[in-house]
N, C-alpha and C. Protein backbone atom coordinates (compact mmCIF):
# COMPACT_ATOMS: atom_id res chain seq x y z
N UNK A 1 -80.57 102.80 90.10
CA UNK A 1 -79.56 102.24 89.20
C UNK A 1 -79.31 100.75 89.44
N UNK A 2 -79.39 100.34 90.70
CA UNK A 2 -79.14 98.93 91.01
C UNK A 2 -80.24 98.05 90.41
N UNK A 3 -81.49 98.48 90.50
CA UNK A 3 -82.59 97.71 89.93
C UNK A 3 -82.47 97.61 88.42
N UNK A 4 -82.08 98.70 87.78
CA UNK A 4 -81.90 98.68 86.33
C UNK A 4 -80.76 97.73 85.94
N UNK A 5 -79.70 97.76 86.69
CA UNK A 5 -78.57 96.88 86.42
C UNK A 5 -78.96 95.42 86.63
N UNK A 6 -79.73 95.15 87.67
CA UNK A 6 -80.20 93.78 87.91
C UNK A 6 -81.07 93.28 86.76
N UNK A 7 -81.95 94.15 86.27
CA UNK A 7 -82.81 93.77 85.16
C UNK A 7 -81.99 93.50 83.90
N UNK A 8 -81.03 94.36 83.64
CA UNK A 8 -80.18 94.17 82.48
C UNK A 8 -79.39 92.87 82.58
N UNK A 9 -78.85 92.61 83.75
CA UNK A 9 -78.09 91.38 83.94
C UNK A 9 -78.98 90.16 83.77
N UNK A 10 -80.19 90.25 84.26
CA UNK A 10 -81.08 89.09 84.15
C UNK A 10 -81.41 88.80 82.69
N UNK A 11 -81.46 89.84 81.87
CA UNK A 11 -81.71 89.63 80.44
C UNK A 11 -80.53 88.91 79.79
N UNK A 12 -79.32 89.32 80.15
CA UNK A 12 -78.14 88.72 79.55
C UNK A 12 -77.81 87.35 80.13
N UNK A 13 -78.18 87.14 81.37
CA UNK A 13 -77.82 85.90 82.05
C UNK A 13 -79.05 85.02 82.31
N UNK A 14 -79.97 85.00 81.40
CA UNK A 14 -81.21 84.24 81.58
C UNK A 14 -80.92 82.81 81.97
N UNK A 15 -81.52 82.42 83.09
CA UNK A 15 -81.40 81.05 83.54
C UNK A 15 -80.12 80.74 84.30
N UNK A 16 -79.20 81.67 84.38
CA UNK A 16 -77.95 81.39 85.09
C UNK A 16 -78.11 81.63 86.58
N UNK A 17 -78.55 82.81 86.95
CA UNK A 17 -78.77 83.15 88.35
C UNK A 17 -79.93 84.12 88.45
N UNK A 18 -80.56 84.11 89.58
CA UNK A 18 -81.59 85.09 89.84
C UNK A 18 -80.92 86.44 90.10
N UNK A 19 -81.55 87.55 89.71
CA UNK A 19 -80.92 88.86 89.91
C UNK A 19 -80.54 89.14 91.36
N UNK A 20 -81.30 88.60 92.30
CA UNK A 20 -81.00 88.85 93.71
C UNK A 20 -79.69 88.19 94.13
N UNK A 21 -79.30 87.12 93.44
CA UNK A 21 -78.10 86.39 93.79
C UNK A 21 -76.84 86.99 93.19
N UNK A 22 -76.99 87.89 92.23
CA UNK A 22 -75.83 88.48 91.58
C UNK A 22 -75.19 89.54 92.47
N UNK A 23 -73.91 89.67 92.35
CA UNK A 23 -73.18 90.70 93.10
C UNK A 23 -73.17 91.98 92.28
N UNK A 24 -74.28 92.67 92.30
CA UNK A 24 -74.47 93.85 91.47
C UNK A 24 -73.54 94.98 91.87
N UNK A 25 -73.27 95.14 93.15
CA UNK A 25 -72.48 96.27 93.63
C UNK A 25 -71.09 96.33 93.01
N UNK A 26 -70.53 95.19 92.65
CA UNK A 26 -69.19 95.22 92.09
C UNK A 26 -69.17 95.76 90.67
N UNK A 27 -70.34 95.85 90.01
CA UNK A 27 -70.41 96.37 88.66
C UNK A 27 -70.73 97.85 88.60
N UNK A 28 -71.13 98.43 89.69
CA UNK A 28 -71.48 99.84 89.73
C UNK A 28 -70.21 100.63 90.06
N UNK A 29 -69.84 101.57 89.18
CA UNK A 29 -68.62 102.33 89.45
C UNK A 29 -68.79 103.20 90.69
N UNK A 30 -67.75 103.25 91.49
CA UNK A 30 -67.77 104.08 92.68
C UNK A 30 -67.46 105.51 92.29
N UNK A 31 -68.16 106.43 92.91
CA UNK A 31 -67.93 107.84 92.62
C UNK A 31 -66.59 108.26 93.22
N UNK A 32 -65.75 108.78 92.38
CA UNK A 32 -64.47 109.29 92.82
C UNK A 32 -64.48 110.78 92.53
N UNK A 33 -64.35 111.57 93.55
CA UNK A 33 -64.34 113.00 93.33
C UNK A 33 -63.09 113.61 93.94
N UNK A 34 -62.61 114.61 93.28
CA UNK A 34 -61.42 115.31 93.73
C UNK A 34 -61.80 116.75 94.03
N UNK A 35 -61.31 117.24 95.13
CA UNK A 35 -61.52 118.62 95.51
C UNK A 35 -60.64 119.50 94.64
N UNK A 36 -61.22 120.57 94.10
CA UNK A 36 -60.45 121.51 93.30
C UNK A 36 -59.41 122.19 94.18
N UNK A 37 -59.75 122.45 95.42
CA UNK A 37 -58.78 123.04 96.34
C UNK A 37 -57.59 122.11 96.56
N UNK A 38 -57.88 120.84 96.81
CA UNK A 38 -56.79 119.87 97.03
C UNK A 38 -55.93 119.71 95.78
N UNK A 39 -56.58 119.65 94.63
CA UNK A 39 -55.84 119.50 93.38
C UNK A 39 -55.01 120.74 93.11
N UNK A 40 -55.56 121.92 93.39
CA UNK A 40 -54.81 123.16 93.20
C UNK A 40 -53.59 123.21 94.11
N UNK A 41 -53.76 122.77 95.34
CA UNK A 41 -52.64 122.72 96.29
C UNK A 41 -51.55 121.79 95.75
N UNK A 42 -51.98 120.65 95.26
CA UNK A 42 -51.04 119.68 94.71
C UNK A 42 -50.28 120.26 93.51
N UNK A 43 -50.99 120.95 92.64
CA UNK A 43 -50.36 121.55 91.46
C UNK A 43 -49.36 122.63 91.88
N UNK A 44 -49.76 123.50 92.80
CA UNK A 44 -48.87 124.57 93.26
C UNK A 44 -47.63 124.00 93.94
N UNK A 45 -47.79 122.96 94.71
CA UNK A 45 -46.63 122.33 95.35
C UNK A 45 -45.68 121.74 94.31
N UNK A 46 -46.24 121.13 93.28
CA UNK A 46 -45.40 120.57 92.21
C UNK A 46 -44.68 121.67 91.46
N UNK A 47 -45.36 122.81 91.25
CA UNK A 47 -44.75 123.91 90.52
C UNK A 47 -43.73 124.66 91.37
N UNK A 48 -43.75 124.44 92.68
CA UNK A 48 -42.78 125.08 93.55
C UNK A 48 -41.35 124.63 93.26
N UNK A 49 -41.21 123.46 92.67
CA UNK A 49 -39.87 122.94 92.36
C UNK A 49 -39.50 123.17 90.90
N UNK A 50 -40.29 123.93 90.18
CA UNK A 50 -39.97 124.24 88.79
C UNK A 50 -41.18 124.21 87.89
N UNK A 51 -40.94 124.47 86.64
CA UNK A 51 -42.02 124.49 85.64
C UNK A 51 -42.49 123.07 85.33
N UNK A 52 -43.70 123.01 84.78
CA UNK A 52 -44.30 121.71 84.48
C UNK A 52 -45.14 121.82 83.22
N UNK A 53 -45.01 120.84 82.35
CA UNK A 53 -45.81 120.81 81.13
C UNK A 53 -47.24 120.39 81.42
N UNK A 54 -48.17 121.00 80.73
CA UNK A 54 -49.59 120.68 80.94
C UNK A 54 -49.90 119.24 80.54
N UNK A 55 -49.28 118.77 79.48
CA UNK A 55 -49.50 117.37 79.07
C UNK A 55 -49.03 116.39 80.14
N UNK A 56 -47.91 116.70 80.76
CA UNK A 56 -47.40 115.83 81.83
C UNK A 56 -48.38 115.82 82.99
N UNK A 57 -48.89 116.99 83.33
CA UNK A 57 -49.85 117.10 84.43
C UNK A 57 -51.10 116.28 84.14
N UNK A 58 -51.63 116.39 82.93
CA UNK A 58 -52.83 115.63 82.56
C UNK A 58 -52.53 114.13 82.46
N UNK A 59 -51.35 113.77 81.99
CA UNK A 59 -51.01 112.35 81.83
C UNK A 59 -50.92 111.63 83.17
N UNK A 60 -50.66 112.36 84.24
CA UNK A 60 -50.54 111.74 85.55
C UNK A 60 -51.89 111.51 86.23
N UNK A 61 -52.97 111.98 85.63
CA UNK A 61 -54.31 111.77 86.20
C UNK A 61 -54.73 110.33 85.97
N UNK A 62 -55.25 109.71 87.02
CA UNK A 62 -55.62 108.29 86.94
C UNK A 62 -57.09 108.05 86.64
N UNK A 63 -57.93 109.05 86.85
CA UNK A 63 -59.36 108.87 86.61
C UNK A 63 -59.91 110.10 85.88
N UNK A 64 -61.05 109.94 85.23
CA UNK A 64 -61.67 111.09 84.58
C UNK A 64 -62.00 112.23 85.56
N UNK A 65 -62.43 111.89 86.77
CA UNK A 65 -62.76 112.95 87.73
C UNK A 65 -61.51 113.70 88.18
N UNK A 66 -60.38 113.01 88.26
CA UNK A 66 -59.13 113.69 88.60
C UNK A 66 -58.71 114.61 87.46
N UNK A 67 -58.92 114.19 86.23
CA UNK A 67 -58.61 115.01 85.08
C UNK A 67 -59.45 116.28 85.07
N UNK A 68 -60.72 116.14 85.37
CA UNK A 68 -61.61 117.31 85.42
C UNK A 68 -61.17 118.27 86.52
N UNK A 69 -60.85 117.74 87.69
CA UNK A 69 -60.39 118.59 88.80
C UNK A 69 -59.09 119.30 88.44
N UNK A 70 -58.21 118.63 87.72
CA UNK A 70 -56.96 119.24 87.28
C UNK A 70 -57.23 120.37 86.31
N UNK A 71 -58.11 120.13 85.36
CA UNK A 71 -58.46 121.15 84.37
C UNK A 71 -59.05 122.38 85.05
N UNK A 72 -60.01 122.17 85.94
CA UNK A 72 -60.65 123.29 86.65
C UNK A 72 -59.63 124.02 87.52
N UNK A 73 -58.75 123.28 88.16
CA UNK A 73 -57.72 123.90 89.00
C UNK A 73 -56.80 124.80 88.19
N UNK A 74 -56.38 124.32 87.03
CA UNK A 74 -55.51 125.13 86.18
C UNK A 74 -56.24 126.41 85.76
N UNK A 75 -57.50 126.29 85.36
CA UNK A 75 -58.27 127.48 84.99
C UNK A 75 -58.40 128.45 86.15
N UNK A 76 -58.71 127.92 87.32
CA UNK A 76 -58.89 128.75 88.51
C UNK A 76 -57.58 129.46 88.88
N UNK A 77 -56.49 128.72 88.89
CA UNK A 77 -55.20 129.31 89.24
C UNK A 77 -54.75 130.35 88.22
N UNK A 78 -55.07 130.13 86.96
CA UNK A 78 -54.76 131.13 85.92
C UNK A 78 -55.58 132.40 86.13
N UNK A 79 -56.86 132.22 86.38
CA UNK A 79 -57.73 133.39 86.56
C UNK A 79 -57.36 134.20 87.79
N UNK A 80 -56.78 133.55 88.79
CA UNK A 80 -56.35 134.25 90.00
C UNK A 80 -54.97 134.89 89.82
N UNK A 81 -54.28 134.56 88.75
CA UNK A 81 -52.95 135.08 88.52
C UNK A 81 -51.87 134.37 89.33
N UNK A 82 -52.18 133.19 89.80
CA UNK A 82 -51.22 132.44 90.62
C UNK A 82 -50.24 131.62 89.79
N UNK A 83 -50.64 131.28 88.57
CA UNK A 83 -49.73 130.58 87.68
C UNK A 83 -49.74 131.27 86.32
N UNK A 84 -48.63 131.18 85.64
CA UNK A 84 -48.52 131.65 84.26
C UNK A 84 -48.52 130.44 83.35
N UNK A 85 -49.14 130.59 82.20
CA UNK A 85 -49.14 129.53 81.20
C UNK A 85 -48.44 130.09 79.96
N UNK A 86 -47.46 129.34 79.49
CA UNK A 86 -46.69 129.78 78.34
C UNK A 86 -46.76 128.69 77.28
N UNK A 87 -47.02 129.09 76.05
CA UNK A 87 -47.11 128.12 74.96
C UNK A 87 -45.71 127.74 74.51
N UNK A 88 -45.49 126.43 74.42
CA UNK A 88 -44.27 125.89 73.83
C UNK A 88 -44.62 125.37 72.43
N UNK A 89 -43.75 124.66 71.80
CA UNK A 89 -44.02 124.16 70.45
C UNK A 89 -45.29 123.34 70.38
N UNK A 90 -45.38 122.29 71.18
CA UNK A 90 -46.53 121.39 71.12
C UNK A 90 -47.17 121.18 72.48
N UNK A 91 -46.91 122.05 73.41
CA UNK A 91 -47.44 121.90 74.78
C UNK A 91 -47.56 123.28 75.40
N UNK A 92 -48.06 123.29 76.62
CA UNK A 92 -48.11 124.51 77.42
C UNK A 92 -47.32 124.24 78.69
N UNK A 93 -46.62 125.27 79.15
CA UNK A 93 -45.80 125.14 80.34
C UNK A 93 -46.41 126.00 81.45
N UNK A 94 -46.53 125.40 82.63
CA UNK A 94 -47.08 126.11 83.79
C UNK A 94 -45.94 126.55 84.69
N UNK A 95 -46.10 127.75 85.24
CA UNK A 95 -45.09 128.28 86.15
C UNK A 95 -45.80 128.98 87.31
N UNK A 96 -45.37 128.68 88.52
CA UNK A 96 -45.94 129.29 89.73
C UNK A 96 -45.40 130.71 89.85
N UNK A 97 -46.31 131.67 90.00
CA UNK A 97 -45.93 133.07 90.10
C UNK A 97 -45.33 133.37 91.47
N UNK A 98 -45.84 132.73 92.49
CA UNK A 98 -45.34 132.94 93.84
C UNK A 98 -46.47 133.26 94.80
N UNK A 99 -46.14 133.28 96.07
CA UNK A 99 -47.14 133.55 97.09
C UNK A 99 -47.29 132.37 98.01
N UNK A 100 -48.11 132.55 99.01
CA UNK A 100 -48.38 131.50 99.98
C UNK A 100 -49.42 130.53 99.42
N UNK A 101 -49.05 129.29 99.30
CA UNK A 101 -49.93 128.28 98.70
C UNK A 101 -51.24 128.18 99.45
N UNK A 102 -51.19 128.15 100.76
CA UNK A 102 -52.43 127.99 101.55
C UNK A 102 -53.36 129.18 101.39
N UNK A 103 -52.81 130.40 101.30
CA UNK A 103 -53.65 131.57 101.10
C UNK A 103 -54.32 131.53 99.72
N UNK A 104 -53.57 131.09 98.73
CA UNK A 104 -54.14 130.97 97.38
C UNK A 104 -55.25 129.96 97.36
N UNK A 105 -55.01 128.80 97.94
CA UNK A 105 -56.00 127.71 97.93
C UNK A 105 -57.26 128.11 98.70
N UNK A 106 -57.10 128.88 99.78
CA UNK A 106 -58.26 129.32 100.56
C UNK A 106 -59.21 130.19 99.75
N UNK A 107 -58.70 130.88 98.74
CA UNK A 107 -59.53 131.77 97.91
C UNK A 107 -60.37 131.01 96.88
N UNK A 108 -60.04 129.76 96.67
CA UNK A 108 -60.77 128.96 95.67
C UNK A 108 -62.09 128.49 96.28
N UNK A 109 -63.17 128.79 95.56
CA UNK A 109 -64.50 128.40 96.02
C UNK A 109 -64.88 127.11 95.32
N UNK A 110 -65.29 126.11 96.09
CA UNK A 110 -65.69 124.81 95.52
C UNK A 110 -67.05 124.91 94.89
């Protein structure tokens, strides 16, 4: 990927700098990954203090990978019966059913 990016930059920046002199690494996005177990733990802890809207949960995600981990976590927790999802007018509301958070999270396979 770095060589391809250098070639592309050299096409756009003809005569400005040699590709070797460009700071290519700053243009390559860093991989950000979120553990589904960690995200599930975070969701369950948040739900321990009350119900939470799904839109609010998604709106608090800062990166696409965090959004994906949140989505998978909600699906996983629903399939395990650890959270209930209830449809509201224009949103869905999540509610923690109960149980030990750490035991629930341990059952999630990455």
